[in-house]
Amino acid sequence: MDSRNVLLVVLEEVPEDEIRKAIAEHGGDDVSVHVVAPATNISRFQWLTGEEDEARAEAEELADRTAHAVEADAEFEVGERDPVLAVQDALALFPADEILVAGTADEKTEAALRDLGLPISRVGPGGAVGGEEATGAEAVARDVAEGKSEGTPFVVVGSVALILFAVIALISLIAFLVFWLA
């Protein structure tokens, strides 16, 4: 039997026994595994300011734990913030026969991964991360807070401008009262 190359994309922590079982089912006895953990916890604000070290360290720790859980020849790396880019970068160096996704991905990410032309399987939970999917204003607020919204920089700049305006107005009011009462 030929050696099988499996690319394991770790989006969130999955129990070690589930990973071992999936690798055994998809790779057989002779399997090489390349684990990539996208640094998905980097907000756009962190990315813009270069404060992504903590998120990359978390992703590296997750990739290392996952690689050690695999009972096969396994390498690991931290990928780009975007899971699809992380997979494309990994595929440039590792000729995978199949992609295993550990954790959950949104529909857009899964569609983009399917477009790569390799078989894709899921390891771990199949539902939304953290339970129910947020909708409406809650989803918008979450995306802005996590830096996943295109409007995040405008919200940050607008908030700072509003605070500065309030401080200037307060100082002006105090100065007016001091001169008026003097």
Protein backbone atom coordinates (compact mmCIF):
# COMPACT_ATOMS: atom_id res chain seq x y z
CA MET A 1 0.00 0.00 0.00
CA ASP A 2 1.26 3.48 -0.85
CA SER A 3 1.95 6.06 1.79
CA ARG A 4 -0.95 8.46 2.25
CA ASN A 5 -0.47 12.19 2.93
CA VAL A 6 -3.12 13.79 5.13
CA LEU A 7 -3.31 17.52 5.82
CA LEU A 8 -4.95 18.11 9.20
CA VAL A 9 -6.31 21.65 9.57
CA VAL A 10 -6.91 22.42 13.25
CA LEU A 11 -9.47 25.20 13.74
CA GLU A 12 -10.23 24.33 17.36
CA GLU A 13 -9.23 21.73 19.92
CA VAL A 14 -10.62 18.27 19.27
CA PRO A 15 -10.18 15.29 21.64
CA GLU A 16 -7.05 13.27 20.91
CA ASP A 17 -8.93 9.98 20.52
CA GLU A 18 -11.12 11.46 17.77
CA ILE A 19 -8.01 12.67 15.92
CA ARG A 20 -6.32 9.27 16.21
CA LYS A 21 -9.49 7.52 15.01
CA ALA A 22 -9.86 9.86 12.01
CA ILE A 23 -6.22 9.46 10.98
CA ALA A 24 -6.52 5.66 11.26
CA GLU A 25 -9.71 5.68 9.15
CA HIS A 26 -8.37 7.99 6.46
CA GLY A 27 -4.71 7.10 6.36
CA GLY A 28 -4.33 3.48 7.29
CA ASP A 29 -1.03 2.18 8.62
CA ASP A 30 1.36 4.11 6.39
CA VAL A 31 0.40 7.77 6.72
CA SER A 32 2.22 11.10 6.82
CA VAL A 33 0.37 13.90 8.55
CA HIS A 34 0.99 17.61 8.26
CA VAL A 35 -0.84 19.65 10.91
CA VAL A 36 -1.59 23.29 10.20
CA ALA A 37 -3.25 25.53 12.77
CA PRO A 38 -4.37 28.85 11.30
CA ALA A 39 -3.82 31.76 13.67
CA THR A 40 -7.53 32.60 13.49
CA ASN A 41 -7.67 34.49 16.78
CA ILE A 42 -5.87 37.49 15.28
CA SER A 43 -8.25 40.42 14.91
CA ARG A 44 -7.73 42.89 12.08
CA PHE A 45 -6.73 45.51 14.63
CA GLN A 46 -4.08 43.17 16.05
CA TRP A 47 -2.92 42.36 12.54
CA LEU A 48 -2.70 46.05 11.61
CA THR A 49 -0.71 46.88 14.74
CA GLY A 50 1.50 43.78 14.56
CA GLU A 51 0.23 42.43 17.90
CA GLU A 52 -0.29 38.89 16.70
CA ASP A 53 2.36 37.07 18.76
CA GLU A 54 -0.07 35.80 21.41
CA ALA A 55 -2.52 34.39 18.84
CA ARG A 56 0.33 32.73 16.92
CA ALA A 57 1.67 31.20 20.15
CA GLU A 58 -1.81 29.78 20.93
CA ALA A 59 -2.07 28.35 17.42
CA GLU A 60 1.42 26.83 17.70
CA GLU A 61 0.55 25.20 21.00
CA LEU A 62 -2.67 23.78 19.50
CA ALA A 63 -0.79 22.46 16.45
CA ASP A 64 1.90 20.89 18.64
CA ARG A 65 -0.66 19.15 20.90
CA THR A 66 -2.54 17.88 17.86
CA ALA A 67 0.63 16.62 16.15
CA HIS A 68 1.59 14.73 19.30
CA ALA A 69 -1.88 13.17 19.42
CA VAL A 70 -1.37 11.67 15.97
CA GLU A 71 0.21 8.23 16.12
CA ALA A 72 2.02 8.68 12.81
CA ASP A 73 4.79 10.67 11.18
CA ALA A 74 3.54 14.23 11.81
CA GLU A 75 4.87 17.74 11.23
CA PHE A 76 3.13 20.92 12.30
CA GLU A 77 3.05 24.61 11.46
CA VAL A 78 1.14 27.78 12.29
CA GLY A 79 -0.71 29.07 9.27
CA GLU A 80 -2.08 32.38 8.12
CA ARG A 81 -5.07 34.00 9.82
CA ASP A 82 -7.34 32.90 6.97
CA PRO A 83 -7.77 29.09 7.08
CA VAL A 84 -7.98 28.85 3.27
CA LEU A 85 -4.68 30.71 2.84
CA ALA A 86 -3.13 28.55 5.54
CA VAL A 87 -4.21 25.40 3.67
CA GLN A 88 -2.98 26.74 0.33
CA ASP A 89 0.42 27.56 1.86
CA ALA A 90 0.63 24.10 3.43
CA LEU A 91 -0.32 22.39 0.17
CA ALA A 92 2.52 24.22 -1.59
CA LEU A 93 4.97 22.34 0.67
CA PHE A 94 3.06 19.15 1.52
CA PRO A 95 1.43 17.14 -1.29
CA ALA A 96 -1.71 16.05 0.55
CA ASP A 97 -4.05 13.35 -0.70
CA GLU A 98 -6.81 14.45 1.64
CA ILE A 99 -7.74 17.29 4.01
CA LEU A 100 -9.12 16.65 7.50
CA VAL A 101 -10.70 19.66 9.22
CA ALA A 102 -10.61 19.48 13.02
CA GLY A 103 -13.32 21.73 14.39
CA THR A 104 -15.88 23.85 12.62
CA ALA A 105 -15.56 26.15 9.67
CA ASP A 106 -18.07 28.57 8.21
CA GLU A 107 -19.77 27.82 4.89
CA LYS A 108 -17.54 30.19 2.94
CA THR A 109 -14.37 28.51 4.24
CA GLU A 110 -15.71 25.02 3.58
CA ALA A 111 -16.70 25.99 0.03
CA ALA A 112 -13.24 27.44 -0.62
CA LEU A 113 -11.60 24.27 0.74
CA ARG A 114 -13.78 22.10 -1.50
CA ASP A 115 -12.62 24.19 -4.47
CA LEU A 116 -9.06 22.96 -3.86
CA GLY A 117 -10.05 19.63 -5.41
CA LEU A 118 -9.08 17.32 -2.55
CA PRO A 119 -11.38 15.11 -0.49
CA ILE A 120 -12.36 16.86 2.74
CA SER A 121 -13.54 15.25 5.98
CA ARG A 122 -14.45 16.69 9.35
CA VAL A 123 -13.06 15.64 12.72
CA GLY A 124 -14.89 16.69 15.87
CA PRO A 125 -18.09 18.66 16.31
CA GLY A 126 -20.11 19.63 13.28
CA GLY A 127 -22.17 22.44 14.78
CA ALA A 128 -21.41 26.10 15.17
CA VAL A 129 -18.54 27.10 17.43
CA GLY A 130 -19.82 28.04 20.86
CA GLY A 131 -23.39 26.86 20.29
CA GLU A 132 -25.99 28.89 18.42
CA GLU A 133 -24.90 31.21 15.66
CA ALA A 134 -25.33 34.89 16.52
CA THR A 135 -27.65 36.92 14.30
CA GLY A 136 -28.46 40.56 13.70
CA ALA A 137 -26.90 43.24 15.87
CA GLU A 138 -25.22 40.64 18.09
CA ALA A 139 -23.32 39.17 15.12
CA VAL A 140 -22.30 42.62 13.88
CA ALA A 141 -21.08 43.65 17.35
CA ARG A 142 -19.14 40.39 17.74
CA ASP A 143 -17.50 40.77 14.33
CA VAL A 144 -16.51 44.38 15.06
CA ALA A 145 -15.13 43.44 18.49
CA GLU A 146 -13.12 40.54 17.03
CA GLY A 147 -11.85 42.69 14.16
CA LYS A 148 -13.58 40.51 11.54
CA SER A 149 -15.71 43.33 10.15
CA GLU A 150 -14.61 45.69 7.41
CA GLY A 151 -15.95 48.53 9.58
CA THR A 152 -13.73 47.79 12.60
CA PRO A 153 -11.15 50.53 11.87
CA PHE A 154 -13.94 53.07 11.41
CA VAL A 155 -15.60 52.04 14.67
CA VAL A 156 -12.28 52.34 16.53
CA VAL A 157 -11.43 55.73 15.00
CA GLY A 158 -15.00 56.96 15.46
CA SER A 159 -15.05 55.88 19.11
CA VAL A 160 -11.75 57.63 19.81
CA ALA A 161 -12.98 60.78 18.04
CA LEU A 162 -16.22 60.73 20.04
CA ILE A 163 -14.31 60.41 23.32
CA LEU A 164 -11.96 63.25 22.35
CA PHE A 165 -14.93 65.42 21.37
CA ALA A 166 -16.60 64.74 24.74
CA VAL A 167 -13.40 65.61 26.64
CA ILE A 168 -12.93 68.84 24.66
CA ALA A 169 -16.59 69.78 25.23
CA LEU A 170 -16.23 69.15 28.97
CA ILE A 171 -13.05 71.23 29.18
CA SER A 172 -14.70 74.02 27.19
CA LEU A 173 -17.72 73.97 29.51
CA ILE A 174 -15.50 74.15 32.58
CA ALA A 175 -13.46 77.01 31.08
CA PHE A 176 -16.66 78.89 30.16
CA LEU A 177 -18.04 78.49 33.70
CA VAL A 178 -14.75 79.63 35.27
CA PHE A 179 -14.61 82.79 33.14
CA TRP A 180 -18.33 83.48 33.54
CA LEU A 181 -18.24 83.18 37.31
CA ALA A 182 -15.00 85.15 37.71
